[in-house]
């Protein structure tokens, strides 16, 4: 599944973000795959909660309307690109409309995930096995998960590295 998402969502999003001066990189690819695996196993487009009802997060990177969506739409570093993609994919800058679209527009979800990382002025962690802890800290700082699961991160990081760098 991660190779499919890399090829059909992440890479197209990164290529299109280059027009907004956000260059594609393997560091971004690895972070996006690892975070997607951590947040949704890169398969759940609506948040899964134990009650069986969908939670408030949408998309493979699990954005909430007034959390990540609104943050990306209003941050000075990401606002211009976010509005351009929202207009193209949704026809609106409304956070709720964008949030709804994230559940079925994987390229848009990839764009928003990359833009959230872009709002962090620190460089992305290097795509290396030795950077798993730095990548975890970067993820925690930017996604601010309610119930972080540190015990699953290292395996997701290795899977992301293998996905991006497999021969």
C-alpha atoms as a PDB file:
ATOM      1  CA  UNK A   1       0.000   0.000   0.000  1.00  0.00           C
ATOM      2  CA  UNK A   2       2.792   2.460   0.842  1.00  0.00           C
ATOM      3  CA  UNK A   3       4.384   2.106  -2.610  1.00  0.00           C
ATOM      4  CA  UNK A   4       0.992   2.823  -4.215  1.00  0.00           C
ATOM      5  CA  UNK A   5       0.513   5.945  -2.052  1.00  0.00           C
ATOM      6  CA  UNK A   6       4.066   7.092  -2.791  1.00  0.00           C
ATOM      7  CA  UNK A   7       3.571   6.713  -6.543  1.00  0.00           C
ATOM      8  CA  UNK A   8      -0.016   7.956  -6.841  1.00  0.00           C
ATOM      9  CA  UNK A   9      -0.349  10.573  -4.100  1.00  0.00           C
ATOM     10  CA  UNK A  10       2.923  11.706  -2.515  1.00  0.00           C
ATOM     11  CA  UNK A  11       5.083  12.021  -5.635  1.00  0.00           C
ATOM     12  CA  UNK A  12       2.410  13.888  -7.643  1.00  0.00           C
ATOM     13  CA  UNK A  13       1.835  16.226  -4.688  1.00  0.00           C
ATOM     14  CA  UNK A  14       5.551  16.921  -4.266  1.00  0.00           C
ATOM     15  CA  UNK A  15       5.991  17.538  -7.993  1.00  0.00           C
ATOM     16  CA  UNK A  16       3.136  20.031  -7.972  1.00  0.00           C
ATOM     17  CA  UNK A  17       4.389  21.778  -4.835  1.00  0.00           C
ATOM     18  CA  UNK A  18       7.637  22.561  -6.657  1.00  0.00           C
ATOM     19  CA  UNK A  19       5.715  25.343  -8.436  1.00  0.00           C
ATOM     20  CA  UNK A  20       5.297  26.877  -4.950  1.00  0.00           C
ATOM     21  CA  UNK A  21       9.048  26.702  -4.224  1.00  0.00           C
ATOM     22  CA  UNK A  22       8.767  23.565  -2.098  1.00  0.00           C
ATOM     23  CA  UNK A  23      11.176  21.139  -3.699  1.00  0.00           C
ATOM     24  CA  UNK A  24      10.602  17.378  -3.659  1.00  0.00           C
ATOM     25  CA  UNK A  25      13.000  15.430  -1.456  1.00  0.00           C
ATOM     26  CA  UNK A  26      13.511  11.925  -0.171  1.00  0.00           C
ATOM     27  CA  UNK A  27      13.419  13.348   3.366  1.00  0.00           C
ATOM     28  CA  UNK A  28       9.860  14.566   2.720  1.00  0.00           C
ATOM     29  CA  UNK A  29       8.854  11.261   1.117  1.00  0.00           C
ATOM     30  CA  UNK A  30      10.117   9.235   4.065  1.00  0.00           C
ATOM     31  CA  UNK A  31       8.479  11.524   6.636  1.00  0.00           C
ATOM     32  CA  UNK A  32       5.159  11.472   4.792  1.00  0.00           C
ATOM     33  CA  UNK A  33       5.104   7.684   4.544  1.00  0.00           C
ATOM     34  CA  UNK A  34       6.127   7.191   8.185  1.00  0.00           C
ATOM     35  CA  UNK A  35       3.544   9.689   9.423  1.00  0.00           C
ATOM     36  CA  UNK A  36       0.861   8.192   7.185  1.00  0.00           C
ATOM     37  CA  UNK A  37       1.623   4.729   8.550  1.00  0.00           C
ATOM     38  CA  UNK A  38       1.548   6.067  12.105  1.00  0.00           C
ATOM     39  CA  UNK A  39      -1.702   7.998  11.650  1.00  0.00           C
ATOM     40  CA  UNK A  40      -3.817   5.748   9.417  1.00  0.00           C
ATOM     41  CA  UNK A  41      -1.740   2.744   8.344  1.00  0.00           C
ATOM     42  CA  UNK A  42      -2.034   4.525   4.956  1.00  0.00           C
ATOM     43  CA  UNK A  43      -5.465   2.964   4.541  1.00  0.00           C
ATOM     44  CA  UNK A  44      -7.991   4.641   6.865  1.00  0.00           C
ATOM     45  CA  UNK A  45      -9.355   7.847   5.359  1.00  0.00           C
ATOM     46  CA  UNK A  46     -11.577   8.545   8.344  1.00  0.00           C
ATOM     47  CA  UNK A  47     -10.315   8.289  11.893  1.00  0.00           C
ATOM     48  CA  UNK A  48     -11.026   4.939  13.495  1.00  0.00           C
ATOM     49  CA  UNK A  49     -12.059   5.104  17.141  1.00  0.00           C
ATOM     50  CA  UNK A  50     -13.068   2.291  19.452  1.00  0.00           C
ATOM     51  CA  UNK A  51     -16.782   3.182  19.553  1.00  0.00           C
ATOM     52  CA  UNK A  52     -17.073   2.277  15.876  1.00  0.00           C
ATOM     53  CA  UNK A  53     -18.073   5.817  14.919  1.00  0.00           C
ATOM     54  CA  UNK A  54     -15.661   7.848  12.801  1.00  0.00           C
ATOM     55  CA  UNK A  55     -13.483  10.294  14.697  1.00  0.00           C
ATOM     56  CA  UNK A  56     -12.859  13.930  13.791  1.00  0.00           C
ATOM     57  CA  UNK A  57      -9.808  13.370  11.574  1.00  0.00           C
ATOM     58  CA  UNK A  58      -9.829  12.782   7.800  1.00  0.00           C
ATOM     59  CA  UNK A  59      -7.372  11.697   5.133  1.00  0.00           C
ATOM     60  CA  UNK A  60      -4.403   9.378   5.241  1.00  0.00           C
ATOM     61  CA  UNK A  61      -2.583  11.888   7.471  1.00  0.00           C
ATOM     62  CA  UNK A  62      -5.621  12.391   9.739  1.00  0.00           C
ATOM     63  CA  UNK A  63      -6.281  16.136   9.686  1.00  0.00           C
ATOM     64  CA  UNK A  64      -9.003  17.783  11.742  1.00  0.00           C
ATOM     65  CA  UNK A  65     -10.890  20.701  10.184  1.00  0.00           C
ATOM     66  CA  UNK A  66     -10.041  23.265  12.830  1.00  0.00           C
ATOM     67  CA  UNK A  67      -6.659  21.723  13.600  1.00  0.00           C
ATOM     68  CA  UNK A  68      -4.328  20.790  10.763  1.00  0.00           C
ATOM     69  CA  UNK A  69      -6.536  22.047   7.921  1.00  0.00           C
ATOM     70  CA  UNK A  70      -7.047  25.459   9.458  1.00  0.00           C
ATOM     71  CA  UNK A  71      -3.396  25.622  10.522  1.00  0.00           C
ATOM     72  CA  UNK A  72      -2.096  24.948   7.004  1.00  0.00           C
ATOM     73  CA  UNK A  73      -4.651  27.361   5.495  1.00  0.00           C
ATOM     74  CA  UNK A  74      -3.601  30.218   7.764  1.00  0.00           C
ATOM     75  CA  UNK A  75       0.139  29.766   8.389  1.00  0.00           C
ATOM     76  CA  UNK A  76       2.235  32.385   6.588  1.00  0.00           C
ATOM     77  CA  UNK A  77       4.537  29.699   5.117  1.00  0.00           C
ATOM     78  CA  UNK A  78       1.783  27.508   3.667  1.00  0.00           C
ATOM     79  CA  UNK A  79      -1.243  29.759   3.163  1.00  0.00           C
ATOM     80  CA  UNK A  80      -0.645  30.689  -0.486  1.00  0.00           C
ATOM     81  CA  UNK A  81      -0.024  27.120  -1.685  1.00  0.00           C
ATOM     82  CA  UNK A  82      -2.826  25.723   0.487  1.00  0.00           C
ATOM     83  CA  UNK A  83      -5.327  28.182  -0.953  1.00  0.00           C
ATOM     84  CA  UNK A  84      -4.249  27.390  -4.513  1.00  0.00           C
ATOM     85  CA  UNK A  85      -4.722  23.653  -3.984  1.00  0.00           C
ATOM     86  CA  UNK A  86      -7.977  24.141  -2.069  1.00  0.00           C
ATOM     87  CA  UNK A  87      -9.344  26.178  -4.972  1.00  0.00           C
ATOM     88  CA  UNK A  88      -8.299  23.527  -7.470  1.00  0.00           C
ATOM     89  CA  UNK A  89      -9.507  20.451  -5.575  1.00  0.00           C
ATOM     90  CA  UNK A  90     -12.443  21.821  -3.592  1.00  0.00           C
ATOM     91  CA  UNK A  91     -13.369  25.149  -5.181  1.00  0.00           C
ATOM     92  CA  UNK A  92     -13.367  26.717  -1.725  1.00  0.00           C
ATOM     93  CA  UNK A  93     -11.109  27.875   1.083  1.00  0.00           C
ATOM     94  CA  UNK A  94     -13.594  26.643   3.670  1.00  0.00           C
ATOM     95  CA  UNK A  95     -11.801  24.434   6.217  1.00  0.00           C
ATOM     96  CA  UNK A  96     -14.787  22.099   6.548  1.00  0.00           C
ATOM     97  CA  UNK A  97     -15.052  21.565   2.774  1.00  0.00           C
ATOM     98  CA  UNK A  98     -11.320  20.864   2.551  1.00  0.00           C
ATOM     99  CA  UNK A  99     -11.548  18.476   5.514  1.00  0.00           C
ATOM    100  CA  UNK A 100     -14.325  16.530   3.762  1.00  0.00           C
ATOM    101  CA  UNK A 101     -12.268  16.306   0.556  1.00  0.00           C
ATOM    102  CA  UNK A 102      -9.195  14.958   2.389  1.00  0.00           C
ATOM    103  CA  UNK A 103     -11.019  11.652   2.883  1.00  0.00           C
ATOM    104  CA  UNK A 104     -11.056  10.917  -0.853  1.00  0.00           C
ATOM    105  CA  UNK A 105      -8.491  13.241  -2.492  1.00  0.00           C
ATOM    106  CA  UNK A 106      -5.169  11.594  -1.653  1.00  0.00           C
ATOM    107  CA  UNK A 107      -3.072  14.093  -3.620  1.00  0.00           C
ATOM    108  CA  UNK A 108      -4.704  16.964  -1.732  1.00  0.00           C
ATOM    109  CA  UNK A 109      -4.131  15.106   1.549  1.00  0.00           C
ATOM    110  CA  UNK A 110      -0.467  14.647   0.586  1.00  0.00           C
ATOM    111  CA  UNK A 111      -0.179  18.348  -0.236  1.00  0.00           C
ATOM    112  CA  UNK A 112      -1.634  19.354   3.125  1.00  0.00           C
ATOM    113  CA  UNK A 113       0.614  16.900   4.986  1.00  0.00           C
ATOM    114  CA  UNK A 114       3.703  18.270   3.214  1.00  0.00           C
ATOM    115  CA  UNK A 115       2.579  21.830   3.838  1.00  0.00           C
ATOM    116  CA  UNK A 116       2.180  21.113   7.543  1.00  0.00           C
ATOM    117  CA  UNK A 117       5.785  19.911   7.606  1.00  0.00           C
ATOM    118  CA  UNK A 118       6.776  23.029   5.624  1.00  0.00           C
ATOM    119  CA  UNK A 119       5.474  25.263   8.428  1.00  0.00           C
ATOM    120  CA  UNK A 120       8.241  23.962  10.678  1.00  0.00           C
ATOM    121  CA  UNK A 121      11.335  26.139  10.133  1.00  0.00           C
ATOM    122  CA  UNK A 122      13.653  23.279  11.111  1.00  0.00           C
ATOM    123  CA  UNK A 123      14.976  21.051   8.333  1.00  0.00           C
ATOM    124  CA  UNK A 124      13.351  17.671   7.886  1.00  0.00           C
ATOM    125  CA  UNK A 125      15.186  14.781   9.540  1.00  0.00           C
ATOM    126  CA  UNK A 126      17.563  13.013   7.202  1.00  0.00           C
ATOM    127  CA  UNK A 127      16.198   9.816   5.668  1.00  0.00           C
ATOM    128  CA  UNK A 128      18.452   7.480   7.624  1.00  0.00           C
ATOM    129  CA  UNK A 129      17.911   4.582  10.017  1.00  0.00           C
ATOM    130  CA  UNK A 130      19.831   6.608  12.626  1.00  0.00           C
ATOM    131  CA  UNK A 131      17.302   9.449  12.464  1.00  0.00           C
ATOM    132  CA  UNK A 132      14.256   7.542  13.787  1.00  0.00           C
ATOM    133  CA  UNK A 133      14.212   9.415  17.110  1.00  0.00           C
ATOM    134  CA  UNK A 134      14.710  12.825  15.479  1.00  0.00           C
ATOM    135  CA  UNK A 135      11.913  11.989  13.039  1.00  0.00           C
ATOM    136  CA  UNK A 136       9.658  10.941  15.926  1.00  0.00           C
ATOM    137  CA  UNK A 137      10.272  14.270  17.675  1.00  0.00           C
ATOM    138  CA  UNK A 138       9.590  16.146  14.440  1.00  0.00           C
ATOM    139  CA  UNK A 139       6.309  14.244  13.994  1.00  0.00           C
ATOM    140  CA  UNK A 140       5.233  14.867  17.617  1.00  0.00           C
ATOM    141  CA  UNK A 141       5.981  18.594  17.320  1.00  0.00           C
ATOM    142  CA  UNK A 142       4.018  19.000  14.091  1.00  0.00           C
ATOM    143  CA  UNK A 143       1.115  16.534  14.333  1.00  0.00           C
ATOM    144  CA  UNK A 144       0.604  16.813  18.079  1.00  0.00           C
ATOM    145  CA  UNK A 145      -1.167  13.449  18.299  1.00  0.00           C
ATOM    146  CA  UNK A 146      -3.577  12.993  21.180  1.00  0.00           C
ATOM    147  CA  UNK A 147      -2.384   9.480  21.961  1.00  0.00           C
ATOM    148  CA  UNK A 148       1.115   9.039  20.539  1.00  0.00           C
ATOM    149  CA  UNK A 149       2.327   5.460  20.111  1.00  0.00           C
ATOM    150  CA  UNK A 150       6.115   5.613  20.269  1.00  0.00           C
ATOM    151  CA  UNK A 151       6.397   1.825  20.198  1.00  0.00           C
ATOM    152  CA  UNK A 152       5.184   1.662  16.563  1.00  0.00           C
ATOM    153  CA  UNK A 153       7.234   4.521  15.113  1.00  0.00           C
ATOM    154  CA  UNK A 154      10.582   2.816  14.497  1.00  0.00           C
ATOM    155  CA  UNK A 155       8.997   0.065  12.391  1.00  0.00           C
ATOM    156  CA  UNK A 156       7.085   2.680  10.384  1.00  0.00           C
ATOM    157  CA  UNK A 157      10.293   4.653   9.878  1.00  0.00           C
ATOM    158  CA  UNK A 158      12.100   1.570   8.557  1.00  0.00           C
ATOM    159  CA  UNK A 159       9.158   0.727   6.261  1.00  0.00           C
ATOM    160  CA  UNK A 160       9.185   4.289   4.934  1.00  0.00           C
ATOM    161  CA  UNK A 161      12.930   4.160   4.283  1.00  0.00           C
ATOM    162  CA  UNK A 162      12.593   0.824   2.508  1.00  0.00           C
ATOM    163  CA  UNK A 163       9.669   2.088   0.418  1.00  0.00           C
ATOM    164  CA  UNK A 164      11.507   5.190  -0.779  1.00  0.00           C
ATOM    165  CA  UNK A 165      14.888   3.556  -1.333  1.00  0.00           C
ATOM    166  CA  UNK A 166      13.998   0.067  -2.557  1.00  0.00           C
ATOM    167  CA  UNK A 167      15.777  -0.899  -5.749  1.00  0.00           C
END
